[in-house]
Amino acid sequence: MDEILISRYEQFVENNSVTHITTNLSASELENAYGYRVRSRMRSMYNLITFNSNSIDKR
């Protein structure tokens, strides 16, 4: 997965390609799973949308 994300980052830098992802992991969990490099690239590529844990509708 980390190689796919790095590849998408390179396409983002070169061509302004858009990638959409969803995850239930926190930023620290992503870093533990994929490393600092991938987390850093994800931070620059994506907009973070969070929901309140008490929210009923999390669309």
PDB file of N, CA and C in Angstrom:
ATOM      1  N   MET A   1       0.827  -1.196   0.000  1.00  0.00           N
ATOM      2  CA  MET A   1       0.000   0.000   0.000  1.00  0.00           C
ATOM      3  C   MET A   1       0.866   1.252   0.000  1.00  0.00           C
ATOM      4  N   ASP A   2       1.956   1.212   0.758  1.00  0.00           N
ATOM      5  CA  ASP A   2       2.803   2.404   0.812  1.00  0.00           C
ATOM      6  C   ASP A   2       3.392   2.744  -0.553  1.00  0.00           C
ATOM      7  N   GLU A   3       3.735   1.733  -1.360  1.00  0.00           N
ATOM      8  CA  GLU A   3       4.266   2.003  -2.700  1.00  0.00           C
ATOM      9  C   GLU A   3       3.201   2.635  -3.593  1.00  0.00           C
ATOM     10  N   ILE A   4       1.959   2.214  -3.445  1.00  0.00           N
ATOM     11  CA  ILE A   4       0.863   2.812  -4.218  1.00  0.00           C
ATOM     12  C   ILE A   4       0.702   4.275  -3.826  1.00  0.00           C
ATOM     13  N   LEU A   5       0.722   4.565  -2.530  1.00  0.00           N
ATOM     14  CA  LEU A   5       0.561   5.953  -2.076  1.00  0.00           C
ATOM     15  C   LEU A   5       1.715   6.832  -2.526  1.00  0.00           C
ATOM     16  N   ILE A   6       2.936   6.316  -2.480  1.00  0.00           N
ATOM     17  CA  ILE A   6       4.091   7.092  -2.958  1.00  0.00           C
ATOM     18  C   ILE A   6       3.970   7.329  -4.462  1.00  0.00           C
ATOM     19  N   SER A   7       3.540   6.315  -5.201  1.00  0.00           N
ATOM     20  CA  SER A   7       3.339   6.472  -6.648  1.00  0.00           C
ATOM     21  C   SER A   7       2.288   7.532  -6.939  1.00  0.00           C
ATOM     22  N   ARG A   8       1.190   7.518  -6.190  1.00  0.00           N
ATOM     23  CA  ARG A   8       0.141   8.524  -6.374  1.00  0.00           C
ATOM     24  C   ARG A   8       0.667   9.919  -6.012  1.00  0.00           C
ATOM     25  N   TYR A   9       1.536  10.008  -5.009  1.00  0.00           N
ATOM     26  CA  TYR A   9       2.127  11.290  -4.646  1.00  0.00           C
ATOM     27  C   TYR A   9       2.965  11.825  -5.808  1.00  0.00           C
ATOM     28  N   GLU A  10       3.749  10.964  -6.415  1.00  0.00           N
ATOM     29  CA  GLU A  10       4.572  11.390  -7.551  1.00  0.00           C
ATOM     30  C   GLU A  10       3.698  11.886  -8.702  1.00  0.00           C
ATOM     31  N   GLN A  11       2.581  11.212  -8.947  1.00  0.00           N
ATOM     32  CA  GLN A  11       1.655  11.661  -9.988  1.00  0.00           C
ATOM     33  C   GLN A  11       1.002  12.986  -9.599  1.00  0.00           C
ATOM     34  N   PHE A  12       0.743  13.164  -8.323  1.00  0.00           N
ATOM     35  CA  PHE A  12       0.187  14.418  -7.815  1.00  0.00           C
ATOM     36  C   PHE A  12       1.153  15.574  -8.080  1.00  0.00           C
ATOM     37  N   VAL A  13       2.423  15.367  -7.794  1.00  0.00           N
ATOM     38  CA  VAL A  13       3.432  16.412  -7.990  1.00  0.00           C
ATOM     39  C   VAL A  13       3.628  16.706  -9.471  1.00  0.00           C
ATOM     40  N   GLU A  14       3.711  15.659 -10.280  1.00  0.00           N
ATOM     41  CA  GLU A  14       3.994  15.833 -11.708  1.00  0.00           C
ATOM     42  C   GLU A  14       2.790  16.331 -12.503  1.00  0.00           C
ATOM     43  N   ASN A  15       1.607  15.806 -12.215  1.00  0.00           N
ATOM     44  CA  ASN A  15       0.440  16.067 -13.065  1.00  0.00           C
ATOM     45  C   ASN A  15      -0.749  16.672 -12.341  1.00  0.00           C
ATOM     46  N   ASN A  16      -0.590  16.945 -11.058  1.00  0.00           N
ATOM     47  CA  ASN A  16      -1.706  17.453 -10.240  1.00  0.00           C
ATOM     48  C   ASN A  16      -2.865  16.460 -10.197  1.00  0.00           C
ATOM     49  N   SER A  17      -2.543  15.165 -10.285  1.00  0.00           N
ATOM     50  CA  SER A  17      -3.563  14.113 -10.230  1.00  0.00           C
ATOM     51  C   SER A  17      -4.223  14.087  -8.866  1.00  0.00           C
ATOM     52  N   VAL A  18      -5.512  13.788  -8.861  1.00  0.00           N
ATOM     53  CA  VAL A  18      -6.277  13.752  -7.627  1.00  0.00           C
ATOM     54  C   VAL A  18      -6.492  12.300  -7.197  1.00  0.00           C
ATOM     55  N   THR A  19      -6.306  12.040  -5.922  1.00  0.00           N
ATOM     56  CA  THR A  19      -6.563  10.723  -5.349  1.00  0.00           C
ATOM     57  C   THR A  19      -7.471  10.915  -4.147  1.00  0.00           C
ATOM     58  N   HIS A  20      -8.502  10.084  -4.056  1.00  0.00           N
ATOM     59  CA  HIS A  20      -9.403  10.123  -2.909  1.00  0.00           C
ATOM     60  C   HIS A  20      -9.186   8.860  -2.089  1.00  0.00           C
ATOM     61  N   ILE A  21      -9.097   9.022  -0.789  1.00  0.00           N
ATOM     62  CA  ILE A  21      -8.986   7.856   0.086  1.00  0.00           C
ATOM     63  C   ILE A  21      -9.884   8.056   1.303  1.00  0.00           C
ATOM     64  N   THR A  22     -10.230   6.960   1.920  1.00  0.00           N
ATOM     65  CA  THR A  22     -10.930   7.008   3.192  1.00  0.00           C
ATOM     66  C   THR A  22     -10.220   6.049   4.148  1.00  0.00           C
ATOM     67  N   THR A  23     -10.249   6.369   5.416  1.00  0.00           N
ATOM     68  CA  THR A  23      -9.651   5.495   6.418  1.00  0.00           C
ATOM     69  C   THR A  23     -10.262   5.785   7.777  1.00  0.00           C
ATOM     70  N   ASN A  24     -10.245   4.804   8.613  1.00  0.00           N
ATOM     71  CA  ASN A  24     -10.654   4.983   9.995  1.00  0.00           C
ATOM     72  C   ASN A  24      -9.445   5.140  10.911  1.00  0.00           C
ATOM     73  N   LEU A  25      -8.254   5.136  10.329  1.00  0.00           N
ATOM     74  CA  LEU A  25      -7.033   5.255  11.117  1.00  0.00           C
ATOM     75  C   LEU A  25      -6.737   6.708  11.456  1.00  0.00           C
ATOM     76  N   SER A  26      -6.116   6.911  12.592  1.00  0.00           N
ATOM     77  CA  SER A  26      -5.651   8.245  12.971  1.00  0.00           C
ATOM     78  C   SER A  26      -4.314   8.499  12.278  1.00  0.00           C
ATOM     79  N   ALA A  27      -3.837   9.722  12.345  1.00  0.00           N
ATOM     80  CA  ALA A  27      -2.560  10.076  11.725  1.00  0.00           C
ATOM     81  C   ALA A  27      -1.423   9.246  12.315  1.00  0.00           C
ATOM     82  N   SER A  28      -1.424   9.067  13.618  1.00  0.00           N
ATOM     83  CA  SER A  28      -0.352   8.280  14.246  1.00  0.00           C
ATOM     84  C   SER A  28      -0.455   6.800  13.857  1.00  0.00           C
ATOM     85  N   GLU A  29      -1.657   6.289  13.700  1.00  0.00           N
ATOM     86  CA  GLU A  29      -1.829   4.905  13.254  1.00  0.00           C
ATOM     87  C   GLU A  29      -1.357   4.732  11.814  1.00  0.00           C
ATOM     88  N   LEU A  30      -1.625   5.734  10.968  1.00  0.00           N
ATOM     89  CA  LEU A  30      -1.122   5.686   9.596  1.00  0.00           C
ATOM     90  C   LEU A  30       0.401   5.680   9.573  1.00  0.00           C
ATOM     91  N   GLU A  31       1.002   6.521  10.412  1.00  0.00           N
ATOM     92  CA  GLU A  31       2.466   6.571  10.468  1.00  0.00           C
ATOM     93  C   GLU A  31       3.034   5.243  10.957  1.00  0.00           C
ATOM     94  N   ASN A  32       2.410   4.639  11.952  1.00  0.00           N
ATOM     95  CA  ASN A  32       2.883   3.337  12.444  1.00  0.00           C
ATOM     96  C   ASN A  32       2.778   2.268  11.365  1.00  0.00           C
ATOM     97  N   ALA A  33       1.726   2.329  10.567  1.00  0.00           N
ATOM     98  CA  ALA A  33       1.510   1.325   9.526  1.00  0.00           C
ATOM     99  C   ALA A  33       2.403   1.543   8.300  1.00  0.00           C
ATOM    100  N   TYR A  34       2.589   2.796   7.885  1.00  0.00           N
ATOM    101  CA  TYR A  34       3.265   3.083   6.615  1.00  0.00           C
ATOM    102  C   TYR A  34       4.543   3.899   6.736  1.00  0.00           C
ATOM    103  N   GLY A  35       4.816   4.442   7.911  1.00  0.00           N
ATOM    104  CA  GLY A  35       6.034   5.209   8.101  1.00  0.00           C
ATOM    105  C   GLY A  35       5.824   6.705   7.933  1.00  0.00           C
ATOM    106  N   TYR A  36       6.820   7.453   8.394  1.00  0.00           N
ATOM    107  CA  TYR A  36       6.741   8.915   8.375  1.00  0.00           C
ATOM    108  C   TYR A  36       6.668   9.457   6.952  1.00  0.00           C
ATOM    109  N   ARG A  37       7.423   8.858   6.033  1.00  0.00           N
ATOM    110  CA  ARG A  37       7.465   9.356   4.650  1.00  0.00           C
ATOM    111  C   ARG A  37       6.068   9.367   4.022  1.00  0.00           C
ATOM    112  N   VAL A  38       5.347   8.261   4.145  1.00  0.00           N
ATOM    113  CA  VAL A  38       4.009   8.177   3.561  1.00  0.00           C
ATOM    114  C   VAL A  38       3.065   9.145   4.267  1.00  0.00           C
ATOM    115  N   ARG A  39       3.153   9.223   5.598  1.00  0.00           N
ATOM    116  CA  ARG A  39       2.283  10.154   6.330  1.00  0.00           C
ATOM    117  C   ARG A  39       2.531  11.590   5.880  1.00  0.00           C
ATOM    118  N   SER A  40       3.786  11.949   5.690  1.00  0.00           N
ATOM    119  CA  SER A  40       4.134  13.297   5.244  1.00  0.00           C
ATOM    120  C   SER A  40       3.561  13.587   3.859  1.00  0.00           C
ATOM    121  N   ARG A  41       3.676  12.618   2.945  1.00  0.00           N
ATOM    122  CA  ARG A  41       3.135  12.798   1.589  1.00  0.00           C
ATOM    123  C   ARG A  41       1.621  12.916   1.631  1.00  0.00           C
ATOM    124  N   MET A  42       0.991  12.111   2.474  1.00  0.00           N
ATOM    125  CA  MET A  42      -0.459  12.157   2.587  1.00  0.00           C
ATOM    126  C   MET A  42      -0.918  13.504   3.121  1.00  0.00           C
ATOM    127  N   ARG A  43      -0.162  14.053   4.053  1.00  0.00           N
ATOM    128  CA  ARG A  43      -0.511  15.355   4.625  1.00  0.00           C
ATOM    129  C   ARG A  43      -0.525  16.429   3.541  1.00  0.00           C
ATOM    130  N   SER A  44       0.379  16.351   2.586  1.00  0.00           N
ATOM    131  CA  SER A  44       0.428  17.376   1.534  1.00  0.00           C
ATOM    132  C   SER A  44      -0.592  17.120   0.420  1.00  0.00           C
ATOM    133  N   MET A  45      -1.035  15.878   0.253  1.00  0.00           N
ATOM    134  CA  MET A  45      -1.931  15.537  -0.850  1.00  0.00           C
ATOM    135  C   MET A  45      -3.409  15.658  -0.524  1.00  0.00           C
ATOM    136  N   TYR A  46      -3.785  15.420   0.721  1.00  0.00           N
ATOM    137  CA  TYR A  46      -5.195  15.250   1.049  1.00  0.00           C
ATOM    138  C   TYR A  46      -5.710  16.320   1.995  1.00  0.00           C
ATOM    139  N   ASN A  47      -6.994  16.568   1.889  1.00  0.00           N
ATOM    140  CA  ASN A  47      -7.700  17.388   2.867  1.00  0.00           C
ATOM    141  C   ASN A  47      -8.260  16.439   3.918  1.00  0.00           C
ATOM    142  N   LEU A  48      -8.094  16.780   5.155  1.00  0.00           N
ATOM    143  CA  LEU A  48      -8.571  15.940   6.248  1.00  0.00           C
ATOM    144  C   LEU A  48      -9.954  16.391   6.680  1.00  0.00           C
ATOM    145  N   ILE A  49     -10.879  15.465   6.704  1.00  0.00           N
ATOM    146  CA  ILE A  49     -12.228  15.740   7.185  1.00  0.00           C
ATOM    147  C   ILE A  49     -12.463  14.821   8.372  1.00  0.00           C
ATOM    148  N   THR A  50     -12.734  15.395   9.515  1.00  0.00           N
ATOM    149  CA  THR A  50     -12.975  14.595  10.713  1.00  0.00           C
ATOM    150  C   THR A  50     -14.409  14.786  11.168  1.00  0.00           C
ATOM    151  N   PHE A  51     -14.898  13.814  11.878  1.00  0.00           N
ATOM    152  CA  PHE A  51     -16.242  13.864  12.423  1.00  0.00           C
ATOM    153  C   PHE A  51     -16.168  13.741  13.936  1.00  0.00           C
ATOM    154  N   ASN A  52     -17.033  14.441  14.594  1.00  0.00           N
ATOM    155  CA  ASN A  52     -17.149  14.335  16.026  1.00  0.00           C
ATOM    156  C   ASN A  52     -17.537  12.897  16.370  1.00  0.00           C
ATOM    157  N   SER A  53     -16.932  12.348  17.402  1.00  0.00           N
ATOM    158  CA  SER A  53     -17.217  10.951  17.743  1.00  0.00           C
ATOM    159  C   SER A  53     -18.672  10.748  18.153  1.00  0.00           C
ATOM    160  N   ASN A  54     -19.381  11.812  18.533  1.00  0.00           N
ATOM    161  CA  ASN A  54     -20.789  11.706  18.910  1.00  0.00           C
ATOM    162  C   ASN A  54     -21.732  11.906  17.726  1.00  0.00           C
ATOM    163  N   SER A  55     -21.185  12.200  16.563  1.00  0.00           N
ATOM    164  CA  SER A  55     -22.006  12.443  15.381  1.00  0.00           C
ATOM    165  C   SER A  55     -22.743  11.172  14.971  1.00  0.00           C
ATOM    166  N   ILE A  56     -24.028  11.289  14.697  1.00  0.00           N
ATOM    167  CA  ILE A  56     -24.831  10.140  14.275  1.00  0.00           C
ATOM    168  C   ILE A  56     -24.589   9.836  12.809  1.00  0.00           C
ATOM    169  N   ASP A  57     -24.573  10.860  11.977  1.00  0.00           N
ATOM    170  CA  ASP A  57     -24.405  10.710  10.532  1.00  0.00           C
ATOM    171  C   ASP A  57     -22.970  11.062  10.168  1.00  0.00           C
ATOM    172  N   LYS A  58     -22.181  10.089   9.734  1.00  0.00           N
ATOM    173  CA  LYS A  58     -20.777  10.315   9.404  1.00  0.00           C
ATOM    174  C   LYS A  58     -20.522  10.161   7.910  1.00  0.00           C
ATOM    175  N   ARG A  59     -21.458  10.619   7.098  1.00  0.00           N
ATOM    176  CA  ARG A  59     -21.235  10.541   5.657  1.00  0.00           C
ATOM    177  C   ARG A  59     -20.151  11.475   5.326  1.00  0.00           C
TER     178      ARG A  59
END
